[in-house]
Amino acid sequence: MDATMTVRRMGGSLGGTFPKEAMELLNIADGDKLCVDVQEGKLVLTPYDPVFEEAMKVYRRGARKYRNALRELAK
């Protein structure tokens, strides 16, 4: 997908408008947060949330450790 995005001043910040195709491809909507990363001089935007990913790692460890207790609680 080739598309352009125009950067505009929005108050004291800069912002841009995403093409509809890009929003559909990333499955993002108005109000969603994006993770911004710079890799080799390129700006990379993803809906990936590193804080959520860490929380899921902690959950998976706990769910594995307390599997039997969680099974009993689910009854």
PDB file of N, CA and C in Angstrom:
ATOM      1  N   MET A   1       0.846  -1.171   0.000  1.00  0.00           N
ATOM      2  CA  MET A   1       0.000   0.000   0.000  1.00  0.00           C
ATOM      3  C   MET A   1       0.894   1.237   0.000  1.00  0.00           C
ATOM      4  N   ASP A   2       0.705   2.087  -0.949  1.00  0.00           N
ATOM      5  CA  ASP A   2       1.418   3.357  -1.007  1.00  0.00           C
ATOM      6  C   ASP A   2       0.415   4.466  -0.734  1.00  0.00           C
ATOM      7  N   ALA A   3       0.702   5.267   0.278  1.00  0.00           N
ATOM      8  CA  ALA A   3      -0.175   6.381   0.614  1.00  0.00           C
ATOM      9  C   ALA A   3       0.676   7.484   1.232  1.00  0.00           C
ATOM     10  N   THR A   4       0.158   8.682   1.200  1.00  0.00           N
ATOM     11  CA  THR A   4       0.864   9.793   1.821  1.00  0.00           C
ATOM     12  C   THR A   4       0.027  10.335   2.973  1.00  0.00           C
ATOM     13  N   MET A   5       0.725  11.009   3.871  1.00  0.00           N
ATOM     14  CA  MET A   5       0.087  11.584   5.037  1.00  0.00           C
ATOM     15  C   MET A   5       0.623  12.994   5.194  1.00  0.00           C
ATOM     16  N   THR A   6      -0.251  13.967   5.381  1.00  0.00           N
ATOM     17  CA  THR A   6       0.160  15.345   5.548  1.00  0.00           C
ATOM     18  C   THR A   6       0.225  15.675   7.030  1.00  0.00           C
ATOM     19  N   VAL A   7       1.342  16.251   7.455  1.00  0.00           N
ATOM     20  CA  VAL A   7       1.523  16.653   8.848  1.00  0.00           C
ATOM     21  C   VAL A   7       1.063  18.103   8.977  1.00  0.00           C
ATOM     22  N   ARG A   8       0.243  18.362   9.997  1.00  0.00           N
ATOM     23  CA  ARG A   8      -0.305  19.701  10.221  1.00  0.00           C
ATOM     24  C   ARG A   8      -0.125  20.089  11.681  1.00  0.00           C
ATOM     25  N   ARG A   9      -0.100  21.386  11.928  1.00  0.00           N
ATOM     26  CA  ARG A   9      -0.040  21.882  13.301  1.00  0.00           C
ATOM     27  C   ARG A   9      -1.420  21.732  13.925  1.00  0.00           C
ATOM     28  N   MET A  10      -1.441  21.163  15.132  1.00  0.00           N
ATOM     29  CA  MET A  10      -2.690  20.999  15.896  1.00  0.00           C
ATOM     30  C   MET A  10      -2.427  21.545  17.292  1.00  0.00           C
ATOM     31  N   GLY A  11      -2.753  22.806  17.488  1.00  0.00           N
ATOM     32  CA  GLY A  11      -2.426  23.454  18.753  1.00  0.00           C
ATOM     33  C   GLY A  11      -0.920  23.619  18.839  1.00  0.00           C
ATOM     34  N   GLY A  12      -0.314  23.129  19.932  1.00  0.00           N
ATOM     35  CA  GLY A  12       1.126  23.214  20.086  1.00  0.00           C
ATOM     36  C   GLY A  12       1.842  21.976  19.586  1.00  0.00           C
ATOM     37  N   SER A  13       1.114  21.034  18.993  1.00  0.00           N
ATOM     38  CA  SER A  13       1.698  19.774  18.522  1.00  0.00           C
ATOM     39  C   SER A  13       1.562  19.646  17.017  1.00  0.00           C
ATOM     40  N   LEU A  14       2.125  18.581  16.492  1.00  0.00           N
ATOM     41  CA  LEU A  14       1.932  18.233  15.087  1.00  0.00           C
ATOM     42  C   LEU A  14       1.117  16.954  15.026  1.00  0.00           C
ATOM     43  N   GLY A  15       0.306  16.830  14.009  1.00  0.00           N
ATOM     44  CA  GLY A  15      -0.501  15.629  13.839  1.00  0.00           C
ATOM     45  C   GLY A  15      -0.761  15.384  12.375  1.00  0.00           C
ATOM     46  N   GLY A  16      -1.292  14.214  12.103  1.00  0.00           N
ATOM     47  CA  GLY A  16      -1.580  13.867  10.718  1.00  0.00           C
ATOM     48  C   GLY A  16      -2.860  13.063  10.619  1.00  0.00           C
ATOM     49  N   THR A  17      -3.353  12.940   9.420  1.00  0.00           N
ATOM     50  CA  THR A  17      -4.557  12.173   9.153  1.00  0.00           C
ATOM     51  C   THR A  17      -4.167  10.903   8.417  1.00  0.00           C
ATOM     52  N   PHE A  18      -4.588   9.763   8.949  1.00  0.00           N
ATOM     53  CA  PHE A  18      -4.273   8.482   8.324  1.00  0.00           C
ATOM     54  C   PHE A  18      -5.222   8.191   7.171  1.00  0.00           C
ATOM     55  N   PRO A  19      -4.712   7.645   6.089  1.00  0.00           N
ATOM     56  CA  PRO A  19      -5.599   7.193   5.020  1.00  0.00           C
ATOM     57  C   PRO A  19      -6.477   6.051   5.522  1.00  0.00           C
ATOM     58  N   LYS A  20      -7.691   5.979   5.019  1.00  0.00           N
ATOM     59  CA  LYS A  20      -8.647   4.953   5.441  1.00  0.00           C
ATOM     60  C   LYS A  20      -8.070   3.552   5.270  1.00  0.00           C
ATOM     61  N   GLU A  21      -7.353   3.313   4.173  1.00  0.00           N
ATOM     62  CA  GLU A  21      -6.788   1.995   3.904  1.00  0.00           C
ATOM     63  C   GLU A  21      -5.787   1.590   4.989  1.00  0.00           C
ATOM     64  N   ALA A  22      -4.986   2.557   5.454  1.00  0.00           N
ATOM     65  CA  ALA A  22      -4.000   2.274   6.503  1.00  0.00           C
ATOM     66  C   ALA A  22      -4.700   1.936   7.811  1.00  0.00           C
ATOM     67  N   MET A  23      -5.762   2.645   8.136  1.00  0.00           N
ATOM     68  CA  MET A  23      -6.504   2.368   9.363  1.00  0.00           C
ATOM     69  C   MET A  23      -7.143   0.985   9.315  1.00  0.00           C
ATOM     70  N   GLU A  24      -7.673   0.613   8.164  1.00  0.00           N
ATOM     71  CA  GLU A  24      -8.265  -0.717   8.030  1.00  0.00           C
ATOM     72  C   GLU A  24      -7.200  -1.802   8.109  1.00  0.00           C
ATOM     73  N   LEU A  25      -6.048  -1.569   7.505  1.00  0.00           N
ATOM     74  CA  LEU A  25      -4.962  -2.541   7.511  1.00  0.00           C
ATOM     75  C   LEU A  25      -4.443  -2.774   8.936  1.00  0.00           C
ATOM     76  N   LEU A  26      -4.307  -1.711   9.714  1.00  0.00           N
ATOM     77  CA  LEU A  26      -3.836  -1.820  11.097  1.00  0.00           C
ATOM     78  C   LEU A  26      -4.955  -2.141  12.088  1.00  0.00           C
ATOM     79  N   ASN A  27      -6.189  -2.104  11.620  1.00  0.00           N
ATOM     80  CA  ASN A  27      -7.353  -2.345  12.475  1.00  0.00           C
ATOM     81  C   ASN A  27      -7.383  -1.335  13.630  1.00  0.00           C
ATOM     82  N   ILE A  28      -7.232  -0.055  13.286  1.00  0.00           N
ATOM     83  CA  ILE A  28      -7.276   1.002  14.286  1.00  0.00           C
ATOM     84  C   ILE A  28      -8.471   1.905  14.008  1.00  0.00           C
ATOM     85  N   ALA A  29      -8.931   2.557  15.067  1.00  0.00           N
ATOM     86  CA  ALA A  29     -10.085   3.441  14.951  1.00  0.00           C
ATOM     87  C   ALA A  29      -9.822   4.715  15.751  1.00  0.00           C
ATOM     88  N   ASP A  30     -10.716   5.644  15.642  1.00  0.00           N
ATOM     89  CA  ASP A  30     -10.622   6.904  16.358  1.00  0.00           C
ATOM     90  C   ASP A  30     -10.448   6.648  17.857  1.00  0.00           C
ATOM     91  N   GLY A  31      -9.417   7.253  18.445  1.00  0.00           N
ATOM     92  CA  GLY A  31      -9.183   7.108  19.870  1.00  0.00           C
ATOM     93  C   GLY A  31      -8.215   6.005  20.256  1.00  0.00           C
ATOM     94  N   ASP A  32      -7.876   5.112  19.328  1.00  0.00           N
ATOM     95  CA  ASP A  32      -6.918   4.044  19.625  1.00  0.00           C
ATOM     96  C   ASP A  32      -5.528   4.637  19.837  1.00  0.00           C
ATOM     97  N   LYS A  33      -4.733   3.952  20.656  1.00  0.00           N
ATOM     98  CA  LYS A  33      -3.355   4.385  20.885  1.00  0.00           C
ATOM     99  C   LYS A  33      -2.417   3.537  20.044  1.00  0.00           C
ATOM    100  N   LEU A  34      -1.373   4.167  19.531  1.00  0.00           N
ATOM    101  CA  LEU A  34      -0.375   3.471  18.732  1.00  0.00           C
ATOM    102  C   LEU A  34       0.981   3.562  19.427  1.00  0.00           C
ATOM    103  N   CYS A  35       1.765   2.518  19.285  1.00  0.00           N
ATOM    104  CA  CYS A  35       3.131   2.519  19.783  1.00  0.00           C
ATOM    105  C   CYS A  35       4.015   3.086  18.677  1.00  0.00           C
ATOM    106  N   VAL A  36       4.853   4.068  19.020  1.00  0.00           N
ATOM    107  CA  VAL A  36       5.721   4.720  18.045  1.00  0.00           C
ATOM    108  C   VAL A  36       7.147   4.243  18.290  1.00  0.00           C
ATOM    109  N   ASP A  37       7.801   3.782  17.237  1.00  0.00           N
ATOM    110  CA  ASP A  37       9.168   3.296  17.341  1.00  0.00           C
ATOM    111  C   ASP A  37       9.949   3.806  16.129  1.00  0.00           C
ATOM    112  N   VAL A  38      11.213   4.113  16.343  1.00  0.00           N
ATOM    113  CA  VAL A  38      12.081   4.522  15.242  1.00  0.00           C
ATOM    114  C   VAL A  38      13.108   3.429  15.046  1.00  0.00           C
ATOM    115  N   GLN A  39      13.136   2.857  13.837  1.00  0.00           N
ATOM    116  CA  GLN A  39      14.052   1.766  13.517  1.00  0.00           C
ATOM    117  C   GLN A  39      14.795   2.124  12.237  1.00  0.00           C
ATOM    118  N   GLU A  40      16.104   2.255  12.364  1.00  0.00           N
ATOM    119  CA  GLU A  40      16.959   2.551  11.217  1.00  0.00           C
ATOM    120  C   GLU A  40      16.468   3.758  10.427  1.00  0.00           C
ATOM    121  N   GLY A  41      16.094   4.807  11.147  1.00  0.00           N
ATOM    122  CA  GLY A  41      15.649   6.034  10.509  1.00  0.00           C
ATOM    123  C   GLY A  41      14.232   6.001   9.984  1.00  0.00           C
ATOM    124  N   LYS A  42      13.483   4.939  10.295  1.00  0.00           N
ATOM    125  CA  LYS A  42      12.096   4.831   9.837  1.00  0.00           C
ATOM    126  C   LYS A  42      11.165   4.917  11.039  1.00  0.00           C
ATOM    127  N   LEU A  43      10.056   5.592  10.862  1.00  0.00           N
ATOM    128  CA  LEU A  43       9.040   5.696  11.891  1.00  0.00           C
ATOM    129  C   LEU A  43       8.109   4.504  11.751  1.00  0.00           C
ATOM    130  N   VAL A  44       7.980   3.717  12.822  1.00  0.00           N
ATOM    131  CA  VAL A  44       7.134   2.519  12.794  1.00  0.00           C
ATOM    132  C   VAL A  44       5.993   2.716  13.787  1.00  0.00           C
ATOM    133  N   LEU A  45       4.759   2.658  13.294  1.00  0.00           N
ATOM    134  CA  LEU A  45       3.567   2.781  14.127  1.00  0.00           C
ATOM    135  C   LEU A  45       2.863   1.433  14.164  1.00  0.00           C
ATOM    136  N   THR A  46       2.564   0.969  15.361  1.00  0.00           N
ATOM    137  CA  THR A  46       1.842  -0.300  15.499  1.00  0.00           C
ATOM    138  C   THR A  46       0.827  -0.175  16.628  1.00  0.00           C
ATOM    139  N   PRO A  47      -0.242  -0.962  16.560  1.00  0.00           N
ATOM    140  CA  PRO A  47      -1.198  -0.967  17.669  1.00  0.00           C
ATOM    141  C   PRO A  47      -0.679  -1.783  18.850  1.00  0.00           C
ATOM    142  N   TYR A  48       0.541  -2.305  18.766  1.00  0.00           N
ATOM    143  CA  TYR A  48       1.174  -3.085  19.820  1.00  0.00           C
ATOM    144  C   TYR A  48       1.388  -2.217  21.057  1.00  0.00           C
ATOM    145  N   ASP A  49       1.049  -2.760  22.219  1.00  0.00           N
ATOM    146  CA  ASP A  49       1.223  -2.047  23.484  1.00  0.00           C
ATOM    147  C   ASP A  49       2.172  -2.837  24.372  1.00  0.00           C
ATOM    148  N   PRO A  50       3.408  -2.373  24.579  1.00  0.00           N
ATOM    149  CA  PRO A  50       4.370  -3.141  25.371  1.00  0.00           C
ATOM    150  C   PRO A  50       3.940  -3.327  26.828  1.00  0.00           C
ATOM    151  N   VAL A  51       3.214  -2.394  27.401  1.00  0.00           N
ATOM    152  CA  VAL A  51       2.745  -2.538  28.784  1.00  0.00           C
ATOM    153  C   VAL A  51       1.724  -3.670  28.870  1.00  0.00           C
ATOM    154  N   PHE A  52       0.802  -3.722  27.897  1.00  0.00           N
ATOM    155  CA  PHE A  52      -0.193  -4.793  27.870  1.00  0.00           C
ATOM    156  C   PHE A  52       0.482  -6.144  27.670  1.00  0.00           C
ATOM    157  N   GLU A  53       1.483  -6.199  26.809  1.00  0.00           N
ATOM    158  CA  GLU A  53       2.200  -7.446  26.552  1.00  0.00           C
ATOM    159  C   GLU A  53       2.861  -7.964  27.824  1.00  0.00           C
ATOM    160  N   GLU A  54       3.464  -7.070  28.607  1.00  0.00           N
ATOM    161  CA  GLU A  54       4.086  -7.481  29.864  1.00  0.00           C
ATOM    162  C   GLU A  54       3.036  -7.985  30.848  1.00  0.00           C
ATOM    163  N   ALA A  55       1.891  -7.307  30.902  1.00  0.00           N
ATOM    164  CA  ALA A  55       0.803  -7.754  31.783  1.00  0.00           C
ATOM    165  C   ALA A  55       0.315  -9.143  31.379  1.00  0.00           C
ATOM    166  N   MET A  56       0.251  -9.415  30.080  1.00  0.00           N
ATOM    167  CA  MET A  56      -0.185 -10.738  29.614  1.00  0.00           C
ATOM    168  C   MET A  56       0.832 -11.811  29.976  1.00  0.00           C
ATOM    169  N   LYS A  57       2.125 -11.482  29.959  1.00  0.00           N
ATOM    170  CA  LYS A  57       3.155 -12.446  30.370  1.00  0.00           C
ATOM    171  C   LYS A  57       2.964 -12.827  31.828  1.00  0.00           C
ATOM    172  N   VAL A  58       2.706 -11.815  32.671  1.00  0.00           N
ATOM    173  CA  VAL A  58       2.483 -12.064  34.099  1.00  0.00           C
ATOM    174  C   VAL A  58       1.234 -12.914  34.286  1.00  0.00           C
ATOM    175  N   TYR A  59       0.172 -12.591  33.541  1.00  0.00           N
ATOM    176  CA  TYR A  59      -1.063 -13.376  33.625  1.00  0.00           C
ATOM    177  C   TYR A  59      -0.820 -14.833  33.234  1.00  0.00           C
ATOM    178  N   ARG A  60      -0.123 -15.041  32.126  1.00  0.00           N
ATOM    179  CA  ARG A  60       0.114 -16.420  31.659  1.00  0.00           C
ATOM    180  C   ARG A  60       0.887 -17.239  32.688  1.00  0.00           C
ATOM    181  N   ARG A  61       1.891 -16.602  33.318  1.00  0.00           N
ATOM    182  CA  ARG A  61       2.650 -17.297  34.366  1.00  0.00           C
ATOM    183  C   ARG A  61       1.736 -17.692  35.524  1.00  0.00           C
ATOM    184  N   GLY A  62       0.908 -16.750  35.966  1.00  0.00           N
ATOM    185  CA  GLY A  62      -0.015 -17.026  37.074  1.00  0.00           C
ATOM    186  C   GLY A  62      -1.055 -18.063  36.706  1.00  0.00           C
ATOM    187  N   ALA A  63      -1.586 -17.981  35.495  1.00  0.00           N
ATOM    188  CA  ALA A  63      -2.600 -18.942  35.052  1.00  0.00           C
ATOM    189  C   ALA A  63      -2.010 -20.343  34.974  1.00  0.00           C
ATOM    190  N   ARG A  64      -0.763 -20.440  34.570  1.00  0.00           N
ATOM    191  CA  ARG A  64      -0.109 -21.740  34.490  1.00  0.00           C
ATOM    192  C   ARG A  64       0.150 -22.302  35.896  1.00  0.00           C
ATOM    193  N   LYS A  65       0.623 -21.430  36.770  1.00  0.00           N
ATOM    194  CA  LYS A  65       0.972 -21.849  38.138  1.00  0.00           C
ATOM    195  C   LYS A  65      -0.275 -22.242  38.940  1.00  0.00           C
ATOM    196  N   TYR A  66      -1.360 -21.487  38.779  1.00  0.00           N
ATOM    197  CA  TYR A  66      -2.576 -21.721  39.561  1.00  0.00           C
ATOM    198  C   TYR A  66      -3.701 -22.313  38.717  1.00  0.00           C
ATOM    199  N   ARG A  67      -3.338 -23.109  37.715  1.00  0.00           N
ATOM    200  CA  ARG A  67      -4.308 -23.690  36.799  1.00  0.00           C
ATOM    201  C   ARG A  67      -5.419 -24.441  37.526  1.00  0.00           C
ATOM    202  N   ASN A  68      -5.051 -25.297  38.475  1.00  0.00           N
ATOM    203  CA  ASN A  68      -6.056 -26.093  39.192  1.00  0.00           C
ATOM    204  C   ASN A  68      -6.996 -25.219  40.022  1.00  0.00           C
ATOM    205  N   ALA A  69      -6.440 -24.219  40.699  1.00  0.00           N
ATOM    206  CA  ALA A  69      -7.268 -23.332  41.510  1.00  0.00           C
ATOM    207  C   ALA A  69      -8.233 -22.550  40.617  1.00  0.00           C
ATOM    208  N   LEU A  70      -7.770 -22.074  39.478  1.00  0.00           N
ATOM    209  CA  LEU A  70      -8.640 -21.323  38.558  1.00  0.00           C
ATOM    210  C   LEU A  70      -9.735 -22.227  37.997  1.00  0.00           C
ATOM    211  N   ARG A  71      -9.405 -23.477  37.737  1.00  0.00           N
ATOM    212  CA  ARG A  71     -10.402 -24.423  37.237  1.00  0.00           C
ATOM    213  C   ARG A  71     -11.488 -24.618  38.281  1.00  0.00           C
ATOM    214  N   GLU A  72     -11.110 -24.742  39.558  1.00  0.00           N
ATOM    215  CA  GLU A  72     -12.077 -24.922  40.637  1.00  0.00           C
ATOM    216  C   GLU A  72     -12.952 -23.665  40.799  1.00  0.00           C
ATOM    217  N   LEU A  73     -12.354 -22.500  40.699  1.00  0.00           N
ATOM    218  CA  LEU A  73     -13.112 -21.259  40.830  1.00  0.00           C
ATOM    219  C   LEU A  73     -14.117 -21.066  39.682  1.00  0.00           C
ATOM    220  N   ALA A  74     -13.812 -21.633  38.540  1.00  0.00           N
ATOM    221  CA  ALA A  74     -14.687 -21.466  37.370  1.00  0.00           C
ATOM    222  C   ALA A  74     -15.948 -22.321  37.460  1.00  0.00           C
ATOM    223  N   LYS A  75     -15.992 -23.275  38.398  1.00  0.00           N
ATOM    224  CA  LYS A  75     -17.176 -24.158  38.520  1.00  0.00           C
ATOM    225  C   LYS A  75     -18.358 -23.423  39.082  1.00  0.00           C
TER     226      LYS A  75
END
